[in-house]
N, C-alpha and C. Protein backbone atom coordinates (compact mmCIF):
# COMPACT_ATOMS: atom_id res chain seq x y z
N MET A 1 -19.23 0.75 10.77
CA MET A 1 -19.57 1.98 10.10
C MET A 1 -18.28 2.68 9.68
N GLU A 2 -18.43 3.45 8.60
CA GLU A 2 -17.28 4.18 8.10
C GLU A 2 -17.73 5.48 7.44
N ILE A 3 -16.74 6.35 7.23
CA ILE A 3 -16.97 7.62 6.57
C ILE A 3 -16.73 7.40 5.09
N PHE A 4 -17.62 7.96 4.27
CA PHE A 4 -17.41 7.86 2.84
C PHE A 4 -17.79 9.17 2.16
N GLN A 5 -17.11 9.46 1.05
CA GLN A 5 -17.42 10.68 0.30
C GLN A 5 -18.65 10.42 -0.55
N ASN A 6 -19.59 11.36 -0.50
CA ASN A 6 -20.83 11.19 -1.23
C ASN A 6 -21.18 12.47 -1.96
N GLY A 7 -20.29 12.95 -2.80
CA GLY A 7 -20.54 14.14 -3.59
C GLY A 7 -19.66 15.30 -3.17
N ARG A 8 -20.10 16.50 -3.58
CA ARG A 8 -19.35 17.73 -3.28
C ARG A 8 -20.33 18.84 -2.94
N PHE A 9 -19.89 19.75 -2.06
CA PHE A 9 -20.63 20.96 -1.77
C PHE A 9 -20.55 21.87 -2.99
N SER A 10 -21.37 22.92 -3.03
CA SER A 10 -21.34 23.86 -4.16
C SER A 10 -19.99 24.57 -4.25
N THR A 11 -19.23 24.57 -3.16
CA THR A 11 -17.91 25.20 -3.16
C THR A 11 -16.85 24.28 -3.78
N GLY A 12 -17.22 23.04 -4.05
CA GLY A 12 -16.27 22.08 -4.61
C GLY A 12 -15.64 21.19 -3.55
N GLU A 13 -15.87 21.52 -2.27
CA GLU A 13 -15.32 20.73 -1.17
C GLU A 13 -16.08 19.40 -1.08
N PRO A 14 -15.38 18.28 -0.81
CA PRO A 14 -16.05 16.98 -0.72
C PRO A 14 -17.07 16.92 0.42
N VAL A 15 -18.16 16.20 0.18
CA VAL A 15 -19.21 15.96 1.18
C VAL A 15 -19.03 14.54 1.70
N TYR A 16 -19.10 14.39 3.02
CA TYR A 16 -18.96 13.07 3.63
C TYR A 16 -20.21 12.72 4.40
N GLN A 17 -20.50 11.42 4.44
CA GLN A 17 -21.57 10.87 5.26
C GLN A 17 -21.04 9.63 5.95
N ILE A 18 -21.85 9.09 6.86
CA ILE A 18 -21.45 7.91 7.62
C ILE A 18 -22.43 6.79 7.29
N GLY A 19 -21.88 5.60 7.06
CA GLY A 19 -22.73 4.46 6.75
C GLY A 19 -21.94 3.18 6.75
N THR A 20 -22.60 2.14 6.24
CA THR A 20 -21.96 0.83 6.13
C THR A 20 -21.85 0.46 4.66
N LYS A 21 -20.79 -0.22 4.33
CA LYS A 21 -20.55 -0.60 2.95
C LYS A 21 -21.21 -1.94 2.67
N ASN A 22 -21.96 -2.01 1.56
CA ASN A 22 -22.61 -3.25 1.14
C ASN A 22 -21.63 -4.09 0.33
N ALA A 23 -21.97 -5.34 0.13
CA ALA A 23 -21.11 -6.25 -0.61
C ALA A 23 -20.87 -5.79 -2.05
N ASP A 24 -21.84 -5.08 -2.64
CA ASP A 24 -21.70 -4.64 -4.02
C ASP A 24 -20.95 -3.32 -4.15
N GLY A 25 -20.44 -2.79 -3.03
CA GLY A 25 -19.64 -1.57 -3.06
C GLY A 25 -20.44 -0.30 -2.80
N THR A 26 -21.76 -0.40 -2.75
CA THR A 26 -22.58 0.75 -2.43
C THR A 26 -22.63 0.93 -0.91
N TYR A 27 -23.17 2.05 -0.47
CA TYR A 27 -23.25 2.33 0.96
C TYR A 27 -24.69 2.48 1.41
N GLU A 28 -24.95 2.02 2.63
CA GLU A 28 -26.22 2.27 3.30
C GLU A 28 -25.95 3.39 4.29
N VAL A 29 -26.55 4.54 4.03
CA VAL A 29 -26.28 5.73 4.85
C VAL A 29 -26.95 5.57 6.21
N LYS A 30 -26.18 5.80 7.27
CA LYS A 30 -26.70 5.74 8.64
C LYS A 30 -26.87 7.14 9.22
N VAL A 31 -25.96 8.07 8.89
CA VAL A 31 -26.05 9.46 9.33
C VAL A 31 -26.18 10.29 8.05
N PHE A 32 -27.35 10.89 7.85
CA PHE A 32 -27.64 11.58 6.60
C PHE A 32 -27.10 13.00 6.53
N ASP A 33 -26.56 13.53 7.63
CA ASP A 33 -26.01 14.89 7.64
C ASP A 33 -24.90 15.00 6.61
N LEU A 34 -24.86 16.13 5.90
CA LEU A 34 -23.78 16.40 4.97
C LEU A 34 -22.68 17.10 5.74
N MET A 35 -21.47 16.51 5.75
CA MET A 35 -20.39 17.00 6.61
C MET A 35 -19.08 17.09 5.86
N THR A 36 -18.17 17.90 6.42
CA THR A 36 -16.79 17.88 5.96
C THR A 36 -16.15 16.63 6.56
N LYS A 37 -14.97 16.30 6.14
CA LYS A 37 -14.31 15.12 6.68
C LYS A 37 -14.06 15.26 8.18
N ALA A 38 -13.64 16.45 8.59
CA ALA A 38 -13.37 16.67 10.02
C ALA A 38 -14.66 16.54 10.83
N GLN A 39 -15.76 17.06 10.31
CA GLN A 39 -17.04 16.94 11.01
C GLN A 39 -17.48 15.48 11.10
N ALA A 40 -17.29 14.74 10.03
CA ALA A 40 -17.68 13.33 10.01
C ALA A 40 -16.84 12.53 11.00
N GLU A 41 -15.55 12.81 11.07
CA GLU A 41 -14.68 12.12 12.03
C GLU A 41 -15.10 12.44 13.46
N ALA A 42 -15.44 13.72 13.72
CA ALA A 42 -15.89 14.11 15.06
C ALA A 42 -17.21 13.42 15.40
N LYS A 43 -18.11 13.32 14.43
CA LYS A 43 -19.40 12.65 14.65
C LYS A 43 -19.19 11.18 14.97
N MET A 44 -18.30 10.53 14.23
CA MET A 44 -18.00 9.11 14.49
C MET A 44 -17.44 8.96 15.90
N LYS A 45 -16.54 9.86 16.28
CA LYS A 45 -15.94 9.79 17.61
C LYS A 45 -17.00 9.98 18.69
N SER A 46 -17.94 10.91 18.47
CA SER A 46 -19.00 11.15 19.45
C SER A 46 -19.95 9.96 19.55
N MET A 47 -20.03 9.18 18.48
CA MET A 47 -20.88 7.98 18.47
C MET A 47 -20.17 6.79 19.12
N GLY A 48 -18.89 6.97 19.44
CA GLY A 48 -18.13 5.90 20.06
C GLY A 48 -17.54 4.92 19.06
N VAL A 49 -17.51 5.30 17.80
CA VAL A 49 -16.97 4.43 16.76
C VAL A 49 -15.55 4.90 16.46
N LYS A 50 -14.62 3.96 16.47
CA LYS A 50 -13.24 4.31 16.19
C LYS A 50 -13.08 4.60 14.70
N VAL A 51 -12.47 5.75 14.40
CA VAL A 51 -12.23 6.14 13.02
C VAL A 51 -10.92 5.51 12.57
N GLU A 52 -11.01 4.67 11.55
CA GLU A 52 -9.82 4.01 11.02
C GLU A 52 -9.42 4.69 9.73
N THR A 53 -8.15 4.97 9.61
CA THR A 53 -7.66 5.53 8.36
C THR A 53 -7.36 4.38 7.41
N PRO A 54 -7.87 4.45 6.19
CA PRO A 54 -7.63 3.35 5.26
C PRO A 54 -6.16 3.22 4.92
N LYS A 55 -5.71 1.98 4.79
CA LYS A 55 -4.33 1.72 4.43
C LYS A 55 -4.18 1.92 2.92
N PRO A 56 -3.05 2.48 2.50
CA PRO A 56 -2.88 2.66 1.06
C PRO A 56 -2.84 1.31 0.36
N ALA A 57 -3.46 1.26 -0.80
CA ALA A 57 -3.50 0.03 -1.57
C ALA A 57 -2.11 -0.34 -2.05
N ALA A 58 -1.85 -1.63 -2.09
CA ALA A 58 -0.57 -2.11 -2.59
C ALA A 58 -0.48 -1.78 -4.08
N PRO A 59 0.69 -1.43 -4.55
CA PRO A 59 0.81 -1.11 -5.97
C PRO A 59 0.43 -2.32 -6.82
N THR A 60 -0.34 -2.06 -7.85
CA THR A 60 -0.78 -3.15 -8.72
C THR A 60 0.05 -3.12 -9.99
N LYS A 61 0.17 -4.28 -10.57
CA LYS A 61 0.90 -4.37 -11.82
C LYS A 61 0.06 -3.73 -12.91
N LYS A 62 0.67 -2.84 -13.68
CA LYS A 62 -0.06 -2.16 -14.75
C LYS A 62 -0.39 -3.16 -15.84
N SER A 63 -1.66 -3.16 -16.23
CA SER A 63 -2.04 -4.02 -17.33
C SER A 63 -1.82 -3.27 -18.64
N LYS A 64 -1.59 -4.01 -19.66
CA LYS A 64 -1.37 -3.39 -20.96
C LYS A 64 -2.68 -2.78 -21.44
N PRO A 65 -2.58 -1.61 -22.06
CA PRO A 65 -3.80 -1.02 -22.60
C PRO A 65 -4.37 -1.89 -23.72
N LYS A 66 -5.66 -1.84 -23.88
CA LYS A 66 -6.30 -2.62 -24.94
C LYS A 66 -6.35 -1.74 -26.19
N TYR A 67 -5.35 -1.89 -27.00
CA TYR A 67 -5.21 -1.05 -28.18
C TYR A 67 -6.39 -1.23 -29.13
N ASP A 68 -6.95 -2.44 -29.21
CA ASP A 68 -8.04 -2.71 -30.14
C ASP A 68 -9.27 -1.85 -29.83
N ASN A 69 -9.43 -1.46 -28.57
CA ASN A 69 -10.59 -0.65 -28.17
C ASN A 69 -10.36 0.84 -28.36
N MET A 70 -9.15 1.23 -28.72
CA MET A 70 -8.82 2.64 -28.87
C MET A 70 -9.21 3.13 -30.27
N SER A 71 -9.59 4.41 -30.33
CA SER A 71 -9.89 5.02 -31.63
C SER A 71 -8.57 5.41 -32.31
N LYS A 72 -8.67 5.81 -33.55
CA LYS A 72 -7.47 6.26 -34.26
C LYS A 72 -6.85 7.46 -33.56
N LEU A 73 -7.69 8.38 -33.07
CA LEU A 73 -7.19 9.56 -32.35
C LEU A 73 -6.44 9.16 -31.08
N GLU A 74 -7.00 8.20 -30.34
CA GLU A 74 -6.35 7.74 -29.11
C GLU A 74 -5.02 7.05 -29.42
N LEU A 75 -5.00 6.26 -30.48
CA LEU A 75 -3.76 5.60 -30.87
C LEU A 75 -2.70 6.63 -31.26
N GLU A 76 -3.14 7.65 -31.99
CA GLU A 76 -2.21 8.70 -32.40
C GLU A 76 -1.63 9.42 -31.19
N ALA A 77 -2.49 9.76 -30.21
CA ALA A 77 -2.03 10.46 -29.00
C ALA A 77 -1.07 9.58 -28.21
N LEU A 78 -1.38 8.30 -28.11
CA LEU A 78 -0.51 7.36 -27.39
C LEU A 78 0.88 7.32 -28.02
N MET A 79 0.92 7.20 -29.33
CA MET A 79 2.20 7.08 -30.01
C MET A 79 2.98 8.39 -30.01
N ARG A 80 2.28 9.52 -30.00
CA ARG A 80 2.98 10.81 -29.91
C ARG A 80 3.77 10.89 -28.61
N LYS A 81 3.22 10.33 -27.55
CA LYS A 81 3.94 10.30 -26.27
C LYS A 81 5.21 9.47 -26.39
N GLU A 82 5.21 8.55 -27.33
CA GLU A 82 6.37 7.68 -27.56
C GLU A 82 7.32 8.29 -28.60
N GLY A 83 6.95 9.46 -29.12
CA GLY A 83 7.80 10.11 -30.12
C GLY A 83 7.60 9.59 -31.53
N ILE A 84 6.49 8.94 -31.77
CA ILE A 84 6.20 8.38 -33.10
C ILE A 84 4.92 9.01 -33.62
N GLU A 85 4.95 9.44 -34.87
CA GLU A 85 3.78 10.06 -35.50
C GLU A 85 3.09 9.03 -36.38
N LEU A 86 1.81 8.80 -36.13
CA LEU A 86 1.02 7.88 -36.96
C LEU A 86 0.29 8.67 -38.02
N ASP A 87 0.02 8.02 -39.15
CA ASP A 87 -0.74 8.63 -40.23
C ASP A 87 -2.18 8.10 -40.13
N ARG A 88 -3.08 8.95 -39.65
CA ARG A 88 -4.46 8.51 -39.44
C ARG A 88 -5.21 8.23 -40.73
N ARG A 89 -4.60 8.56 -41.86
CA ARG A 89 -5.25 8.22 -43.13
C ARG A 89 -5.20 6.72 -43.39
N GLU A 90 -4.27 6.06 -42.70
CA GLU A 90 -4.16 4.60 -42.84
C GLU A 90 -5.33 3.93 -42.14
N SER A 91 -5.55 2.66 -42.43
CA SER A 91 -6.64 1.93 -41.78
C SER A 91 -6.30 1.70 -40.30
N LYS A 92 -7.33 1.48 -39.52
CA LYS A 92 -7.12 1.23 -38.10
C LYS A 92 -6.30 -0.03 -37.91
N ALA A 93 -6.53 -1.03 -38.75
CA ALA A 93 -5.77 -2.28 -38.65
C ALA A 93 -4.28 -2.04 -38.83
N LYS A 94 -3.93 -1.18 -39.80
CA LYS A 94 -2.51 -0.90 -40.02
C LYS A 94 -1.92 -0.11 -38.85
N LEU A 95 -2.69 0.85 -38.32
CA LEU A 95 -2.23 1.61 -37.16
C LEU A 95 -2.02 0.69 -35.96
N LEU A 96 -2.96 -0.23 -35.74
CA LEU A 96 -2.83 -1.18 -34.63
C LEU A 96 -1.58 -2.03 -34.79
N ALA A 97 -1.29 -2.44 -36.02
CA ALA A 97 -0.10 -3.26 -36.27
C ALA A 97 1.16 -2.48 -35.90
N GLU A 98 1.20 -1.18 -36.24
CA GLU A 98 2.35 -0.35 -35.91
C GLU A 98 2.50 -0.20 -34.38
N VAL A 99 1.37 0.05 -33.73
CA VAL A 99 1.40 0.24 -32.27
C VAL A 99 1.87 -1.04 -31.59
N LYS A 100 1.29 -2.16 -31.97
CA LYS A 100 1.65 -3.42 -31.33
C LYS A 100 3.10 -3.78 -31.61
N ALA A 101 3.58 -3.51 -32.80
CA ALA A 101 4.99 -3.79 -33.13
C ALA A 101 5.91 -2.93 -32.28
N HIS A 102 5.52 -1.68 -32.07
CA HIS A 102 6.36 -0.78 -31.25
C HIS A 102 6.45 -1.27 -29.80
N PHE A 103 5.29 -1.62 -29.23
CA PHE A 103 5.28 -2.00 -27.82
C PHE A 103 5.72 -3.44 -27.58
N LYS A 104 5.79 -4.24 -28.63
CA LYS A 104 6.24 -5.63 -28.47
C LYS A 104 7.68 -5.67 -28.00
N GLY A 105 8.48 -4.72 -28.44
CA GLY A 105 9.90 -4.65 -28.04
C GLY A 105 10.11 -4.11 -26.65
N LYS A 106 9.09 -3.62 -26.00
CA LYS A 106 9.25 -3.02 -24.66
C LYS A 106 8.92 -4.00 -23.59
């Protein structure tokens, strides 16, 4: 069993519950009480279950963005961050060619 976040209180604070994780990534709730993280940890401790803190994930290699799936507006915003201004009056194909040419050198 583990603690998992399952929404937020009306105050914006995260809501936690206790359950088991299924193979598909969903959870089967075992304790339906809505709790803060501290309350959930105390409940787990009272149940005799050791609370494990998750280990931080290893850094993953950043994958290249899929420029073909981006809109003209997204391409323009991306290139502005690079200091390059695109002309959205051009076709998307031409904008994509400019973007790919720019990032090919990086």
